[in-house]
Amino acid sequence: MRLPATITASLLAGALVLAGCSTTDATDTTAAADTTTTVTEASDTASTDTTATTTDGVVDDVDWDALDTTEVTLTDEGLTITEAGTYVLSGSTTGQVVVDSDGPVRLVLDGVEIASTEGAAIQVDAAEIAVIELADGSTNTVTDAATRSDEEIDGAIYSADNLVITGTGSLTVNATFADGIVGKDDLTIDSGTVTVTSVDDGIRGKDTLIVSGGDITVDAAGDGLKASNDSDLGEGVLAITDGTVTVTSGDDAIKAEQQLVISGGTVDVVESVEGIEAPVVSISGGDISVNASDDGVNAAASAIVTDGIGITISGGTLAITMGSGDTDAVDSNGDLTITGGTIDISAQSAFDYDGTGTLSGADVTVNGEAVTELTGSMMGGGAGGPGGTGGPGSR
């Protein structure tokens, strides 16, 4: 899958950082299991309306006009797709929509309600690329079953291959088993209004999770947005380049196992334990607000990245509000480098770092007081120093 040029540049920069990181051996235990389905196609009506899809370069190289378009009205028999092409879906079903194809498949959701009683609502077992397009003006709802025979299929929307979500309609995802939207390779949200409520993680891409547009709201009992690959060096990357993201989470709001990049868009972490967390965190743009009970922005080792840990803030607007107790607004278990942007912190401990701390060229306010340097007077966090800043000795 070809990533957008702007994202590729950011990830290349991250790859240079990660190239020097130490790794530990890990076994990938999250591979998708093979599945067998017995649902049948509800209808097959030819259509020439292809509704062109572009996703910032992700699937521009797919000639959808050269592939067949099929209109399907869903019934409780569900739908199994084995041929490449575009499928325009409407209606409701208590079955599943399953994709098992060796070519590109685009699902245009045009007023669907899928309330699966079997497992995932939309399940992509195989596809060269899978695209879920939300038709203009459409309202779509998917809900998975609370139990299933194959618990490796752990999302209400689940894709074993690359998945792109685009379009101008709306999608509501209710995850009653585990996660909301799961991509086991690359997961990209390009546009659309997407609302996810989940009993575990909200939106999870394994190799990459890219948000390049859209209006996304997540209410998750576990992590909100997550890039989960902790076994392949250079993967496990989460990037937000545009769009609006609102997260309420019972654990980490926005998390990557290797690298997290925010370069644009609006990010609002309403509630979290850790707000933004990865071994390598880079914030160069965007309008970001974080409410957290432990660390607001945290750089910490993962199973695969154990060296080169750090936080770099070079732009954007960042407002962090911390709960009381032993908490840190910005906590790096390595270096902390702040060279630009506007940062407004309300916290007992503003900054905590184990390595080198640098503050230059940024507008920083801590508890209403302007801060011009990261002091080394605090060991292990706590209130003190100018503006209550912390220093070397982060957890």
Protein backbone atom coordinates (compact mmCIF):
# COMPACT_ATOMS: atom_id res chain seq x y z
CA MET A 1 0.00 0.00 0.00
CA ARG A 2 1.41 3.38 -1.03
CA LEU A 3 1.30 5.99 1.74
CA PRO A 4 0.66 9.69 1.11
CA ALA A 5 3.82 11.68 0.40
CA THR A 6 3.42 13.92 3.44
CA ILE A 7 3.05 10.93 5.72
CA THR A 8 5.90 9.07 4.08
CA ALA A 9 8.25 11.96 4.82
CA SER A 10 7.28 11.92 8.48
CA LEU A 11 7.70 8.19 8.75
CA LEU A 12 11.10 8.33 7.03
CA ALA A 13 12.23 10.81 9.66
CA GLY A 14 10.99 8.42 12.30
CA ALA A 15 12.76 5.51 10.65
CA LEU A 16 16.05 7.38 10.98
CA VAL A 17 15.38 7.74 14.70
CA LEU A 18 14.35 4.14 15.11
CA ALA A 19 17.32 2.84 13.14
CA GLY A 20 19.49 3.40 16.17
CA CYS A 21 17.08 1.85 18.65
CA SER A 22 17.77 -1.37 20.49
CA THR A 23 15.31 -4.20 19.99
CA THR A 24 14.28 -7.29 21.83
CA ASP A 25 13.18 -10.56 20.28
CA ALA A 26 9.44 -10.87 20.01
CA THR A 27 7.04 -13.34 18.47
CA ASP A 28 4.04 -12.04 16.54
CA THR A 29 1.09 -13.67 18.25
CA THR A 30 -1.55 -11.37 16.77
CA ALA A 31 -1.76 -12.75 13.24
CA ALA A 32 -5.29 -13.18 11.98
CA ALA A 33 -6.58 -16.72 11.95
CA ASP A 34 -8.19 -18.24 8.86
CA THR A 35 -11.96 -18.07 8.92
CA THR A 36 -14.74 -19.83 7.07
CA THR A 37 -18.12 -18.24 6.43
CA THR A 38 -21.33 -19.60 5.00
CA VAL A 39 -23.33 -16.43 4.36
CA THR A 40 -24.61 -15.83 0.85
CA GLU A 41 -25.03 -12.83 -1.42
CA ALA A 42 -28.40 -11.14 -1.12
CA SER A 43 -28.62 -9.63 -4.60
CA ASP A 44 -26.45 -8.81 -7.59
CA THR A 45 -27.55 -5.84 -9.65
CA ALA A 46 -25.07 -4.28 -12.07
CA SER A 47 -24.36 -0.56 -11.83
CA THR A 48 -22.07 1.84 -13.66
CA ASP A 49 -21.95 4.44 -10.85
CA THR A 50 -18.51 3.97 -9.35
CA THR A 51 -18.33 6.99 -6.98
CA ALA A 52 -14.64 7.80 -7.44
CA THR A 53 -12.46 7.32 -4.38
CA THR A 54 -9.21 9.14 -3.70
CA THR A 55 -7.41 8.88 -0.40
CA ASP A 56 -4.40 11.21 -0.52
CA GLY A 57 -2.49 8.77 -2.69
CA VAL A 58 -3.29 5.60 -0.77
CA VAL A 59 -5.47 3.94 -3.41
CA ASP A 60 -5.12 6.35 -6.33
CA ASP A 61 -3.45 3.58 -8.32
CA VAL A 62 -6.59 1.39 -8.25
CA ASP A 63 -8.66 1.81 -11.43
CA TRP A 64 -12.09 1.29 -9.91
CA ASP A 65 -13.81 2.19 -13.20
CA ALA A 66 -12.23 -0.89 -14.77
CA LEU A 67 -13.83 -3.12 -12.13
CA ASP A 68 -17.46 -4.17 -11.82
CA THR A 69 -19.90 -2.30 -9.59
CA THR A 70 -22.62 -4.28 -7.81
CA GLU A 71 -25.56 -2.89 -5.86
CA VAL A 72 -26.65 -5.05 -2.93
CA THR A 73 -29.63 -4.73 -0.64
CA LEU A 74 -28.66 -6.60 2.51
CA THR A 75 -30.85 -9.29 4.04
CA ASP A 76 -30.35 -11.45 7.11
CA GLU A 77 -28.49 -13.96 4.96
CA GLY A 78 -25.56 -11.55 4.99
CA LEU A 79 -23.08 -11.13 2.17
CA THR A 80 -19.86 -12.83 1.07
CA ILE A 81 -17.70 -11.06 -1.55
CA THR A 82 -15.08 -13.04 -3.47
CA GLU A 83 -14.57 -10.90 -6.58
CA ALA A 84 -12.73 -7.58 -6.92
CA GLY A 85 -14.82 -4.49 -7.51
CA THR A 86 -17.15 -1.95 -5.94
CA TYR A 87 -20.17 -3.05 -3.90
CA VAL A 88 -22.80 -0.45 -3.03
CA LEU A 89 -24.57 -1.69 0.10
CA SER A 90 -27.91 -0.61 1.58
CA GLY A 91 -30.46 -2.16 3.89
CA SER A 92 -30.01 -4.14 7.09
CA THR A 93 -28.79 -7.56 8.19
CA THR A 94 -28.15 -9.63 11.28
CA GLY A 95 -25.52 -11.52 9.32
CA GLN A 96 -22.01 -10.47 8.32
CA VAL A 97 -20.42 -8.75 5.36
CA VAL A 98 -17.34 -10.86 4.57
CA VAL A 99 -14.65 -10.06 1.98
CA ASP A 100 -12.37 -12.84 0.74
CA SER A 101 -10.78 -11.73 -2.52
CA ASP A 102 -7.36 -11.58 -4.15
CA GLY A 103 -8.15 -8.18 -5.70
CA PRO A 104 -9.17 -4.69 -4.50
CA VAL A 105 -12.63 -4.41 -2.96
CA ARG A 106 -14.56 -1.23 -2.19
CA LEU A 107 -17.61 -1.30 0.06
CA VAL A 108 -19.77 1.79 -0.40
CA LEU A 109 -22.02 1.99 2.65
CA ASP A 110 -25.19 3.83 1.61
CA GLY A 111 -27.54 3.57 4.57
CA VAL A 112 -26.72 0.20 6.12
CA GLU A 113 -27.42 -1.30 9.52
CA ILE A 114 -25.39 -4.42 10.30
CA ALA A 115 -26.08 -6.02 13.68
CA SER A 116 -24.15 -9.26 13.44
CA THR A 117 -25.19 -12.21 15.58
CA GLU A 118 -22.16 -14.26 14.45
CA GLY A 119 -19.03 -12.18 15.01
CA ALA A 120 -17.58 -9.12 13.29
CA ALA A 121 -20.07 -6.98 11.37
CA ILE A 122 -17.63 -6.37 8.50
CA GLN A 123 -14.84 -8.93 8.16
CA VAL A 124 -12.10 -8.72 5.53
CA ASP A 125 -10.31 -12.07 5.42
CA ALA A 126 -8.33 -11.14 2.30
CA ALA A 127 -8.14 -8.31 -0.23
CA GLU A 128 -5.42 -6.55 -2.19
CA ILE A 129 -6.81 -3.39 -0.62
CA ALA A 130 -10.13 -2.94 1.17
CA VAL A 131 -11.90 0.43 1.08
CA ILE A 132 -14.95 1.34 3.13
CA GLU A 133 -16.51 4.42 1.55
CA LEU A 134 -19.30 6.28 3.36
CA ALA A 135 -21.72 7.51 0.72
CA ASP A 136 -22.54 11.21 0.68
CA GLY A 137 -25.32 11.99 3.15
CA SER A 138 -25.58 8.40 4.37
CA THR A 139 -25.92 7.20 7.96
CA ASN A 140 -24.48 3.76 8.66
CA THR A 141 -24.34 1.66 11.84
CA VAL A 142 -22.46 -1.57 12.52
CA THR A 143 -22.57 -3.66 15.69
CA ASP A 144 -20.74 -6.92 16.30
CA ALA A 145 -21.77 -9.96 18.34
CA ALA A 146 -20.68 -10.09 21.97
CA THR A 147 -19.34 -13.65 21.47
CA ARG A 148 -17.82 -15.55 18.55
CA SER A 149 -16.18 -18.85 17.70
CA ASP A 150 -12.91 -17.24 16.52
CA GLU A 151 -11.79 -14.74 19.13
CA GLU A 152 -8.81 -13.66 16.99
CA ILE A 153 -11.36 -11.72 14.93
CA ASP A 154 -11.58 -9.08 17.64
CA GLY A 155 -13.09 -6.05 15.91
CA ALA A 156 -16.60 -4.99 14.97
CA ILE A 157 -14.92 -4.02 11.69
CA TYR A 158 -11.94 -6.30 11.10
CA SER A 159 -9.48 -6.45 8.22
CA ALA A 160 -6.62 -8.92 7.87
CA ASP A 161 -5.21 -6.73 5.08
CA ASN A 162 -4.84 -3.02 4.34
CA LEU A 163 -7.99 -1.00 5.07
CA VAL A 164 -8.96 2.56 4.11
CA ILE A 165 -12.02 4.43 5.41
CA THR A 166 -13.14 7.39 3.32
CA GLY A 167 -16.22 9.22 2.06
CA THR A 168 -18.46 12.01 3.33
CA GLY A 169 -21.16 10.05 5.15
CA SER A 170 -21.24 8.85 8.76
CA LEU A 171 -20.39 5.54 10.39
CA THR A 172 -21.26 4.47 13.93
CA VAL A 173 -19.41 1.42 15.27
CA ASN A 174 -20.62 -0.38 18.39
CA ALA A 175 -18.08 -2.96 19.57
CA THR A 176 -19.54 -5.33 22.15
CA PHE A 177 -16.86 -8.06 21.99
CA ALA A 178 -13.55 -6.15 22.07
CA ASP A 179 -12.27 -3.50 19.63
CA GLY A 180 -14.10 -1.15 17.28
CA ILE A 181 -12.10 -0.97 14.03
CA VAL A 182 -9.10 -3.27 13.56
CA GLY A 183 -6.61 -3.34 10.68
CA LYS A 184 -3.97 -6.07 10.91
CA ASP A 185 -1.73 -4.30 8.36
CA ASP A 186 -2.13 -0.60 7.52
CA LEU A 187 -5.28 1.25 8.58
CA THR A 188 -5.99 4.71 7.13
CA ILE A 189 -8.91 7.02 7.93
CA ASP A 190 -9.03 9.62 5.20
CA SER A 191 -12.44 11.25 5.69
CA GLY A 192 -15.98 10.75 6.95
CA THR A 193 -17.66 11.06 10.34
CA VAL A 194 -16.70 8.01 12.38
CA THR A 195 -18.00 7.32 15.89
CA VAL A 196 -16.70 4.29 17.81
CA THR A 197 -17.86 2.93 21.17
CA SER A 198 -15.98 -0.14 22.35
CA VAL A 199 -15.57 -2.41 25.36
CA ASP A 200 -11.80 -2.53 24.70
CA ASP A 201 -9.69 -0.55 22.19
CA GLY A 202 -11.38 1.89 19.84
CA ILE A 203 -9.39 2.00 16.58
CA ARG A 204 -6.32 -0.18 16.13
CA GLY A 205 -3.96 -0.53 13.20
CA LYS A 206 -1.13 -3.02 13.57
CA ASP A 207 1.65 -1.77 11.26
CA THR A 208 0.36 1.78 10.86
CA LEU A 209 -2.65 3.81 11.88
CA ILE A 210 -2.89 6.96 9.77
CA VAL A 211 -5.51 9.68 10.33
CA SER A 212 -5.35 12.10 7.41
CA GLY A 213 -8.85 13.58 7.71
CA GLY A 214 -12.36 13.03 8.94
CA ASP A 215 -14.21 13.66 12.19
CA ILE A 216 -13.46 10.79 14.57
CA THR A 217 -14.96 10.28 18.03
CA VAL A 218 -13.87 7.34 20.18
CA ASP A 219 -15.23 6.22 23.56
CA ALA A 220 -13.17 3.17 24.55
CA ALA A 221 -12.85 1.20 27.75
CA GLY A 222 -9.26 0.38 26.74
CA ASP A 223 -6.94 2.39 24.46
CA GLY A 224 -8.49 4.93 22.11
CA LEU A 225 -6.31 4.96 18.97
CA LYS A 226 -3.43 2.50 18.76
CA ALA A 227 -0.67 1.21 16.45
CA SER A 228 0.11 -2.16 17.97
CA ASN A 229 3.05 -3.79 16.15
CA ASP A 230 5.73 -4.46 18.77
CA SER A 231 7.59 -7.20 16.89
CA ASP A 232 8.68 -5.69 13.52
CA LEU A 233 11.09 -2.76 13.74
CA GLY A 234 9.85 0.30 11.85
CA GLU A 235 6.18 -0.63 12.14
CA GLY A 236 3.80 0.21 15.01
CA VAL A 237 3.54 3.82 13.78
CA LEU A 238 0.60 6.16 14.44
CA ALA A 239 0.35 9.45 12.53
CA ILE A 240 -2.28 12.19 12.69
CA THR A 241 -1.86 14.72 9.89
CA ASP A 242 -5.33 16.27 9.64
CA GLY A 243 -8.93 15.85 10.74
CA THR A 244 -10.59 16.04 14.13
CA VAL A 245 -10.02 13.34 16.74
CA THR A 246 -11.88 13.23 20.07
CA VAL A 247 -11.01 10.45 22.51
CA THR A 248 -12.39 9.31 25.84
CA SER A 249 -10.49 6.25 27.06
CA GLY A 250 -10.16 4.04 30.09
CA ASP A 251 -6.43 3.60 29.43
CA ASP A 252 -4.12 5.29 26.89
CA ALA A 253 -5.91 7.67 24.54
CA ILE A 254 -3.43 7.72 21.62
CA LYS A 255 -0.69 5.10 21.67
CA ALA A 256 1.96 3.64 19.36
CA GLU A 257 4.31 0.79 20.11
CA GLN A 258 7.16 2.43 18.16
CA GLN A 259 6.51 5.96 16.89
CA LEU A 260 3.75 8.57 17.19
CA VAL A 261 3.60 11.64 14.94
CA ILE A 262 1.12 14.52 15.14
CA SER A 263 1.65 17.15 12.46
CA GLY A 264 -1.82 18.64 12.02
CA GLY A 265 -5.51 18.42 12.77
CA THR A 266 -7.39 18.82 16.04
CA VAL A 267 -6.89 16.30 18.83
CA ASP A 268 -8.98 16.40 22.00
CA VAL A 269 -8.25 13.82 24.70
CA VAL A 270 -11.24 14.23 26.98
CA GLU A 271 -10.25 11.56 29.51
CA SER A 272 -7.34 9.12 29.76
CA VAL A 273 -4.71 7.52 31.96
CA GLU A 274 -1.84 8.25 29.55
CA GLY A 275 -2.86 10.84 26.98
CA ILE A 276 -0.28 10.44 24.20
CA GLU A 277 2.29 7.64 24.51
CA ALA A 278 5.01 5.98 22.40
CA PRO A 279 8.75 5.32 22.63
CA VAL A 280 9.30 8.14 20.11
CA VAL A 281 6.82 11.06 20.11
CA SER A 282 7.02 13.90 17.59
CA ILE A 283 4.58 16.83 17.65
CA SER A 284 5.12 19.43 14.91
CA GLY A 285 1.62 20.83 14.43
CA GLY A 286 -2.03 20.55 15.28
CA ASP A 287 -4.34 21.87 17.97
CA ILE A 288 -4.04 19.38 20.83
CA SER A 289 -5.66 19.21 24.25
CA VAL A 290 -4.99 16.43 26.73
CA ASN A 291 -6.64 15.49 30.01
CA ALA A 292 -4.86 12.62 31.78
CA SER A 293 -4.58 11.03 35.21
CA ASP A 294 -0.99 9.76 34.89
CA ASP A 295 1.12 11.29 32.10
CA GLY A 296 -0.10 13.75 29.49
CA VAL A 297 2.56 13.09 26.84
CA ASN A 298 4.82 10.14 27.62
CA ALA A 299 7.84 8.55 25.91
CA ALA A 300 8.53 5.09 27.31
CA ALA A 301 10.20 1.91 26.06
CA SER A 302 8.09 -0.79 24.43
CA ALA A 303 8.75 -4.47 23.82
CA ILE A 304 10.77 -3.67 20.68
CA VAL A 305 12.07 -0.10 21.15
CA THR A 306 14.30 0.10 24.20
CA ASP A 307 16.73 2.86 23.17
CA GLY A 308 16.44 6.24 21.47
CA ILE A 309 13.43 7.11 23.61
CA GLY A 310 12.36 10.74 23.39
CA ILE A 311 9.80 13.51 22.88
CA THR A 312 10.23 16.30 20.33
CA ILE A 313 7.80 19.24 20.21
CA SER A 314 8.52 21.68 17.38
CA GLY A 315 5.14 23.24 16.63
CA GLY A 316 1.43 23.23 17.16
CA THR A 317 -0.69 24.20 20.14
CA LEU A 318 -0.68 21.85 23.12
CA ALA A 319 -2.82 22.24 26.25
CA ILE A 320 -2.35 19.64 29.00
CA THR A 321 -4.44 19.34 32.16
CA MET A 322 -3.30 16.76 34.71
CA GLY A 323 -5.02 15.12 37.63
CA SER A 324 -3.61 15.50 41.12
CA GLY A 325 -0.97 13.21 42.60
CA ASP A 326 2.27 11.82 41.19
CA THR A 327 1.62 12.86 37.59
CA ASP A 328 3.65 14.53 34.85
CA ALA A 329 2.34 16.61 31.98
CA VAL A 330 5.28 15.80 29.68
CA ASP A 331 7.32 12.77 30.74
CA SER A 332 10.22 11.36 28.70
CA ASN A 333 12.18 8.31 29.76
CA GLY A 334 14.83 9.67 27.41
CA ASP A 335 15.45 13.11 25.90
CA LEU A 336 12.96 15.98 25.84
CA THR A 337 13.39 18.60 23.11
CA ILE A 338 11.05 21.58 22.75
CA THR A 339 11.91 23.99 19.93
CA GLY A 340 8.57 25.52 18.95
CA GLY A 341 4.85 25.70 19.41
CA THR A 342 2.61 26.94 22.19
CA ILE A 343 2.31 24.81 25.34
CA ASP A 344 -0.07 25.53 28.22
CA ILE A 345 0.15 23.19 31.20
CA SER A 346 -1.91 22.82 34.37
CA ALA A 347 -0.14 20.24 36.49
CA GLN A 348 1.78 19.55 39.68
CA SER A 349 4.77 18.43 37.62
CA ALA A 350 5.11 19.94 34.15
CA PHE A 351 8.24 18.28 32.71
CA ASP A 352 10.10 15.13 33.67
CA TYR A 353 12.95 13.53 31.69
CA ASP A 354 15.75 11.02 32.14
CA GLY A 355 18.06 12.27 29.39
CA THR A 356 18.75 15.76 28.09
CA GLY A 357 16.11 18.47 28.34
CA THR A 358 16.06 21.41 25.90
CA LEU A 359 13.60 24.31 25.72
CA SER A 360 14.11 26.95 23.03
CA GLY A 361 11.86 28.95 20.76
CA ALA A 362 8.54 27.87 22.26
CA ASP A 363 5.84 29.74 24.18
CA VAL A 364 5.40 27.72 27.38
CA THR A 365 3.09 28.48 30.30
CA VAL A 366 2.88 26.33 33.42
CA ASN A 367 0.10 27.01 35.92
CA GLY A 368 -0.28 30.53 34.56
CA GLU A 369 3.45 31.35 34.68
CA ALA A 370 5.71 31.73 31.64
CA VAL A 371 8.57 29.22 31.56
CA THR A 372 11.79 29.81 29.63
CA GLU A 373 13.90 26.85 30.72
CA LEU A 374 13.61 23.27 31.90
CA THR A 375 15.09 23.29 35.36
CA GLY A 376 16.95 20.34 36.85
CA SER A 377 15.89 21.10 40.37
CA MET A 378 13.22 18.40 40.61
CA MET A 379 14.09 14.72 40.91
CA GLY A 380 11.29 12.36 39.96
CA GLY A 381 8.54 14.93 39.45
CA GLY A 382 6.51 17.04 41.82
CA ALA A 383 5.87 20.75 42.19
CA GLY A 384 8.92 22.95 42.27
CA GLY A 385 11.29 25.06 40.25
CA PRO A 386 9.93 27.79 38.01
CA GLY A 387 6.33 27.04 37.18
CA GLY A 388 6.48 23.65 38.85
CA THR A 389 8.69 22.13 36.15
CA GLY A 390 10.33 18.80 36.66
CA GLY A 391 13.73 17.55 35.61
CA PRO A 392 15.88 14.45 35.27
CA GLY A 393 14.52 11.46 37.08
CA SER A 394 11.33 10.50 35.25
CA ARG A 395 9.79 7.11 35.86
